Amino acid sequence: MTNLPTALITGASSGIGATYAERFARRGHNLVMVARDKARMDLLASRLREETMVTIDVIQADLTQQEDLAEIESRLREDTSIGILINNAGMGQSGSFIQQNAQSIDRLVMLNTTAPTRLAAAVAARFVQEGKGSIVNIGSVVGFAPELGMTIYGATKAFVLFLSQGLNLELGPKGIYVQAVLPAATRTEIWSRAGMDINTLPEVMDVNELVDAALIGFDRKELVTIPPLHVAERWDELEQARQGLMSEIRQAHAAERYQPQAPAQQ
C-alpha cells in the first residue's frame, strides 16, 4: 500500500514515457500505463512490479482514436487515486509541410494537441475539487524554433507550452501544479518512427538523463523545465521580453507606423 498519488503516464511503452514509469515506480507510486504497444508495457510492468512492489495497470489505447481517448478520460475522472498525469504520448513529423496529407496532419495534431488537452480537461475538475494534483505536459524546444523546419510538429509543441502556461494561471491558485517539460533531441524511438536517423544529429541527450532532469524540475515545482538549457537566465530574458512586448500593445488604435500618411505638401 502507498499513500502517494498514482501516476497515469501516456506513451508509456518506450522512451520518455517508459522512463517516467520506472522513475515513479521506484519512488513508490502506483502506475497506470497507457500506450498502443501492450506487449512492451506488460514486460516493463512485470519487471517493475517485481522490483518495486507497486500496483501497475496497463491499458492499451491509441489516443488518436475517439473511443480509446474517451476510455482514458473516464479513468482520469473516476479514479480518485490518480494524482499525477504525465501527458507524454506524441509523434514526430515525417517529411516537410508540403509532403503531408490530411490523414497525417490530423493524426499528428490529434495526438500532440487534442489528446493532452482533453486528458488534462478530464482530470482538472477533480483535481480542483480535491485541491491538489499535478499535470506534466511534454513539449519540445522545437516549439519556439521554426528555423528547424518541423513546422506542424513545432506548432503542436508551441501549443503544449501555451496550454501549460495557461493552465498554470487558471489552476495554480487552486492548488494544481502544471509543468511543461521541453526536451531537445533525445534518444527515443520518435525519430525512427518519423523516418529520421538520430545518429545524424550532432548532440542527443540520453532519455534517462532527460527524465531525471525533468523530475528535478518537478520536485522544485518549476513551471517550465528545459533540461538542455545551460543558461537559465535566457528563459527569464525571453519571458521578460514577451511581457515587455505585451505592455506595448495598446489596442484602441493601430500603431503610428500603420496609420495612413497625409500626402506630402507641394
Protein backbone atom coordinates (compact mmCIF):
# COMPACT_ATOMS: atom_id res chain seq x y z
CA MET A 1 0.00 0.00 0.00
CA THR A 2 1.13 3.54 -0.71
CA ASN A 3 -0.25 6.93 0.22
CA LEU A 4 1.47 8.51 -2.77
CA PRO A 5 -0.72 9.52 -5.73
CA THR A 6 -0.99 7.17 -8.67
CA ALA A 7 0.67 8.44 -11.86
CA LEU A 8 -1.06 7.93 -15.20
CA ILE A 9 1.52 8.05 -17.99
CA THR A 10 0.70 8.13 -21.69
CA GLY A 11 3.14 6.83 -24.27
CA ALA A 12 4.44 4.54 -21.55
CA SER A 13 5.70 1.66 -23.69
CA SER A 14 9.09 3.18 -24.56
CA GLY A 15 11.32 6.23 -24.40
CA ILE A 16 10.38 9.11 -22.14
CA GLY A 17 7.11 7.54 -21.01
CA ALA A 18 8.67 4.22 -20.03
CA THR A 19 11.44 6.05 -18.17
CA TYR A 20 8.90 8.13 -16.26
CA ALA A 21 7.11 4.89 -15.36
CA GLU A 22 10.28 3.39 -13.97
CA ARG A 23 11.22 6.52 -12.01
CA PHE A 24 7.78 6.94 -10.43
CA ALA A 25 7.57 3.24 -9.59
CA ARG A 26 10.91 3.46 -7.82
CA ARG A 27 9.59 6.44 -5.89
CA GLY A 28 6.75 4.23 -4.66
CA HIS A 29 3.91 5.48 -6.86
CA ASN A 30 1.34 3.11 -8.30
CA LEU A 31 1.02 3.47 -12.08
CA VAL A 32 -1.48 3.45 -14.89
CA MET A 33 0.49 2.90 -18.09
CA VAL A 34 -1.15 3.85 -21.39
CA ALA A 35 0.15 3.18 -24.92
CA ARG A 36 -0.59 1.24 -28.08
CA ASP A 37 2.06 -1.44 -27.53
CA LYS A 38 0.60 -3.58 -24.74
CA ALA A 39 3.23 -6.31 -25.01
CA ARG A 40 6.07 -3.89 -24.22
CA MET A 41 4.12 -2.30 -21.39
CA ASP A 42 3.36 -5.72 -19.93
CA LEU A 43 7.06 -6.62 -19.90
CA LEU A 44 8.02 -3.35 -18.21
CA ALA A 45 5.13 -3.53 -15.75
CA SER A 46 6.01 -7.11 -14.78
CA ARG A 47 9.59 -6.15 -14.02
CA LEU A 48 8.62 -3.02 -12.10
CA ARG A 49 6.01 -4.88 -10.02
CA GLU A 50 8.65 -7.41 -9.01
CA GLU A 51 11.33 -4.82 -8.27
CA THR A 52 9.24 -2.13 -6.59
CA MET A 53 6.08 -3.89 -5.34
CA VAL A 54 3.84 -1.11 -6.67
CA THR A 55 0.50 -1.73 -8.35
CA ILE A 56 0.51 -1.17 -12.12
CA ASP A 57 -2.43 -1.18 -14.51
CA VAL A 58 -1.73 -1.45 -18.22
CA ILE A 59 -4.20 0.00 -20.72
CA GLN A 60 -3.76 -0.48 -24.43
CA ALA A 61 -5.01 2.66 -26.15
CA ASP A 62 -4.44 4.67 -29.30
CA LEU A 63 -5.14 8.26 -28.28
CA THR A 64 -5.86 9.27 -31.86
CA GLN A 65 -8.98 7.09 -31.66
CA GLN A 66 -12.02 8.68 -30.04
CA GLU A 67 -13.15 5.53 -28.23
CA ASP A 68 -9.72 4.90 -26.71
CA LEU A 69 -9.28 8.54 -25.71
CA ALA A 70 -12.70 8.54 -24.05
CA GLU A 71 -11.71 5.45 -22.03
CA ILE A 72 -8.67 7.22 -20.59
CA GLU A 73 -10.71 10.36 -19.91
CA SER A 74 -13.17 8.27 -17.90
CA ARG A 75 -10.36 6.68 -15.91
CA LEU A 76 -8.94 10.09 -15.06
CA ARG A 77 -12.33 11.43 -13.98
CA GLU A 78 -13.33 8.42 -11.90
CA ASP A 79 -10.13 7.04 -10.37
CA THR A 80 -9.53 9.26 -7.35
CA SER A 81 -6.17 7.62 -6.65
CA ILE A 82 -4.67 9.27 -9.76
CA GLY A 83 -2.96 12.46 -8.68
CA ILE A 84 -0.36 12.85 -11.43
CA LEU A 85 -0.97 12.98 -15.18
CA ILE A 86 2.05 12.68 -17.46
CA ASN A 87 0.94 13.81 -20.93
CA ASN A 88 3.81 12.26 -22.85
CA ALA A 89 2.30 10.47 -25.86
CA GLY A 90 3.28 12.16 -29.08
CA MET A 91 4.66 11.67 -32.54
CA GLY A 92 7.13 13.43 -34.79
CA GLN A 93 6.70 14.86 -38.26
CA SER A 94 7.81 12.79 -41.21
CA GLY A 95 8.73 14.93 -44.20
CA SER A 96 8.24 18.60 -44.99
CA PHE A 97 4.98 20.53 -44.75
CA ILE A 98 4.10 20.05 -48.42
CA GLN A 99 4.68 16.29 -48.08
CA GLN A 100 1.89 15.94 -45.52
CA ASN A 101 -1.59 14.68 -46.32
CA ALA A 102 -4.85 15.22 -44.49
CA GLN A 103 -4.57 11.95 -42.58
CA SER A 104 -1.00 12.54 -41.37
CA ILE A 105 -1.86 16.10 -40.29
CA ASP A 106 -4.96 15.02 -38.41
CA ARG A 107 -3.14 12.20 -36.64
CA LEU A 108 -0.20 14.37 -35.56
CA VAL A 109 -2.40 17.23 -34.34
CA MET A 110 -4.77 14.83 -32.60
CA LEU A 111 -2.05 13.03 -30.66
CA ASN A 112 0.16 16.03 -29.87
CA THR A 113 -2.50 18.61 -29.01
CA THR A 114 -6.07 17.33 -28.77
CA ALA A 115 -5.29 14.27 -26.66
CA PRO A 116 -3.23 16.02 -23.95
CA THR A 117 -5.77 18.84 -23.79
CA ARG A 118 -8.70 16.50 -23.34
CA LEU A 119 -6.89 14.37 -20.77
CA ALA A 120 -5.94 17.47 -18.78
CA ALA A 121 -9.53 18.68 -19.00
CA ALA A 122 -10.81 15.29 -17.85
CA VAL A 123 -8.78 15.35 -14.65
CA ALA A 124 -8.66 19.08 -13.89
CA ALA A 125 -12.13 19.44 -12.38
CA ARG A 126 -11.47 16.59 -9.93
CA PHE A 127 -8.04 17.97 -9.04
CA VAL A 128 -9.58 21.37 -8.34
CA GLN A 129 -12.25 19.79 -6.16
CA GLU A 130 -9.53 17.94 -4.23
CA GLY A 131 -7.27 20.99 -4.11
CA LYS A 132 -4.24 19.06 -5.33
CA GLY A 133 -2.80 17.26 -8.33
CA SER A 134 -0.06 17.55 -10.94
CA ILE A 135 -0.16 17.72 -14.74
CA VAL A 136 3.09 17.31 -16.68
CA ASN A 137 3.00 18.12 -20.38
CA ILE A 138 5.91 17.03 -22.55
CA GLY A 139 6.64 19.70 -25.14
CA SER A 140 9.81 20.45 -27.08
CA VAL A 141 12.25 23.27 -27.70
CA VAL A 142 11.18 22.93 -31.33
CA GLY A 143 8.05 24.79 -30.22
CA PHE A 144 9.99 28.05 -30.34
CA ALA A 145 12.36 27.16 -33.17
CA PRO A 146 10.59 27.39 -36.56
CA GLU A 147 14.07 27.52 -38.14
CA LEU A 148 14.32 23.75 -37.59
CA GLY A 149 11.73 23.13 -40.29
CA MET A 150 9.40 20.74 -38.46
CA THR A 151 6.50 23.12 -38.97
CA ILE A 152 3.49 21.10 -37.83
CA TYR A 153 5.33 19.29 -35.06
CA GLY A 154 6.79 22.55 -33.79
CA ALA A 155 3.37 24.20 -33.87
CA THR A 156 1.90 21.39 -31.76
CA LYS A 157 4.70 21.77 -29.22
CA ALA A 158 4.22 25.54 -29.10
CA PHE A 159 0.60 24.72 -28.28
CA VAL A 160 1.70 22.43 -25.44
CA LEU A 161 3.79 25.20 -23.89
CA PHE A 162 0.99 27.75 -24.15
CA LEU A 163 -1.51 25.21 -22.77
CA SER A 164 0.72 24.52 -19.79
CA GLN A 165 1.27 28.20 -19.04
CA GLY A 166 -2.42 28.95 -19.37
CA LEU A 167 -3.40 26.02 -17.16
CA ASN A 168 -0.90 27.16 -14.55
CA LEU A 169 -2.53 30.59 -14.42
CA GLU A 170 -6.00 29.07 -14.11
CA LEU A 171 -5.30 26.06 -11.93
CA GLY A 172 -2.21 27.08 -9.94
CA PRO A 173 -4.17 29.25 -7.48
CA LYS A 174 -6.44 26.22 -6.86
CA GLY A 175 -3.55 24.01 -5.74
CA ILE A 176 -2.77 22.31 -9.06
CA TYR A 177 0.82 22.11 -10.29
CA VAL A 178 1.32 22.22 -14.07
CA GLN A 179 4.77 21.63 -15.53
CA ALA A 180 5.88 21.96 -19.14
CA VAL A 181 8.96 19.90 -19.97
CA LEU A 182 10.79 20.97 -23.11
CA PRO A 183 13.39 18.47 -24.32
CA ALA A 184 15.71 18.99 -27.24
CA ALA A 185 16.84 15.98 -29.27
CA THR A 186 16.53 12.93 -27.03
CA ARG A 187 17.43 9.34 -27.86
CA THR A 188 13.98 7.77 -28.28
CA GLU A 189 12.09 5.91 -30.98
CA ILE A 190 10.16 9.00 -32.10
CA TRP A 191 12.95 9.70 -34.60
CA SER A 192 12.92 6.34 -36.35
CA ARG A 193 9.12 6.35 -36.44
CA ALA A 194 9.30 9.66 -38.30
CA GLY A 195 11.84 8.17 -40.73
CA MET A 196 14.80 10.13 -39.36
CA ASP A 197 18.25 8.87 -38.38
CA ILE A 198 19.04 10.26 -34.94
CA ASN A 199 22.71 9.44 -35.44
CA THR A 200 22.96 12.28 -37.96
CA LEU A 201 22.27 14.83 -35.21
CA PRO A 202 25.31 16.46 -33.59
CA GLU A 203 24.04 16.33 -30.00
CA VAL A 204 21.49 13.96 -28.48
CA MET A 205 20.54 13.58 -24.81
CA ASP A 206 20.11 10.19 -23.18
CA VAL A 207 16.50 9.60 -22.18
CA ASN A 208 17.42 8.71 -18.60
CA GLU A 209 19.26 11.99 -18.16
CA LEU A 210 16.33 13.88 -19.68
CA VAL A 211 13.72 12.39 -17.35
CA ASP A 212 15.93 12.68 -14.27
CA ALA A 213 16.43 16.37 -15.03
CA ALA A 214 12.71 16.84 -15.64
CA LEU A 215 11.95 15.24 -12.28
CA ILE A 216 14.33 17.63 -10.51
CA GLY A 217 12.27 20.41 -12.07
CA PHE A 218 9.09 18.60 -10.97
CA ASP A 219 10.32 18.38 -7.39
CA ARG A 220 11.21 22.08 -7.47
CA LYS A 221 7.75 22.90 -8.86
CA GLU A 222 9.21 24.63 -11.91
CA LEU A 223 6.56 25.79 -14.35
CA VAL A 224 8.80 25.32 -17.40
CA THR A 225 11.69 22.85 -17.30
CA ILE A 226 14.18 22.90 -20.18
CA PRO A 227 16.79 20.22 -19.38
CA PRO A 228 19.21 21.16 -22.21
CA LEU A 229 19.19 24.90 -21.38
CA HIS A 230 22.52 25.60 -19.68
CA VAL A 231 21.96 29.33 -19.05
CA ALA A 232 18.68 29.53 -17.14
CA GLU A 233 18.62 33.31 -17.41
CA ARG A 234 17.95 33.01 -21.15
CA TRP A 235 14.43 31.77 -20.41
CA ASP A 236 13.89 34.56 -17.89
CA GLU A 237 15.03 37.10 -20.50
CA LEU A 238 12.64 35.65 -23.06
CA GLU A 239 9.75 35.88 -20.61
CA GLN A 240 10.66 39.47 -19.72
CA ALA A 241 10.84 40.39 -23.40
CA ARG A 242 7.44 38.79 -24.02
CA GLN A 243 5.86 40.67 -21.14
CA GLY A 244 7.51 43.88 -22.36
CA LEU A 245 6.03 43.31 -25.79
CA MET A 246 2.58 42.83 -24.26
CA SER A 247 2.92 46.10 -22.34
CA GLU A 248 3.46 47.90 -25.65
CA ILE A 249 0.28 46.52 -27.23
CA ARG A 250 -2.41 49.20 -26.93
CA GLN A 251 -5.38 48.12 -28.98
CA ALA A 252 -7.51 51.27 -29.17
CA HIS A 253 -5.63 52.41 -32.28
CA ALA A 254 -3.23 50.99 -34.81
CA ALA A 255 0.41 51.82 -34.22
CA GLU A 256 1.66 55.02 -35.82
CA ARG A 257 3.59 53.11 -38.49
CA TYR A 258 0.30 51.64 -39.72
CA GLN A 259 -1.61 54.96 -39.79
CA PRO A 260 -2.42 56.47 -43.21
CA GLN A 261 0.09 59.15 -44.06
CA ALA A 262 -1.05 62.59 -45.19
CA PRO A 263 0.04 63.49 -48.74
CA ALA A 264 3.27 65.48 -48.82
CA GLN A 265 2.82 69.23 -49.27
CA GLN A 266 3.85 70.55 -52.69
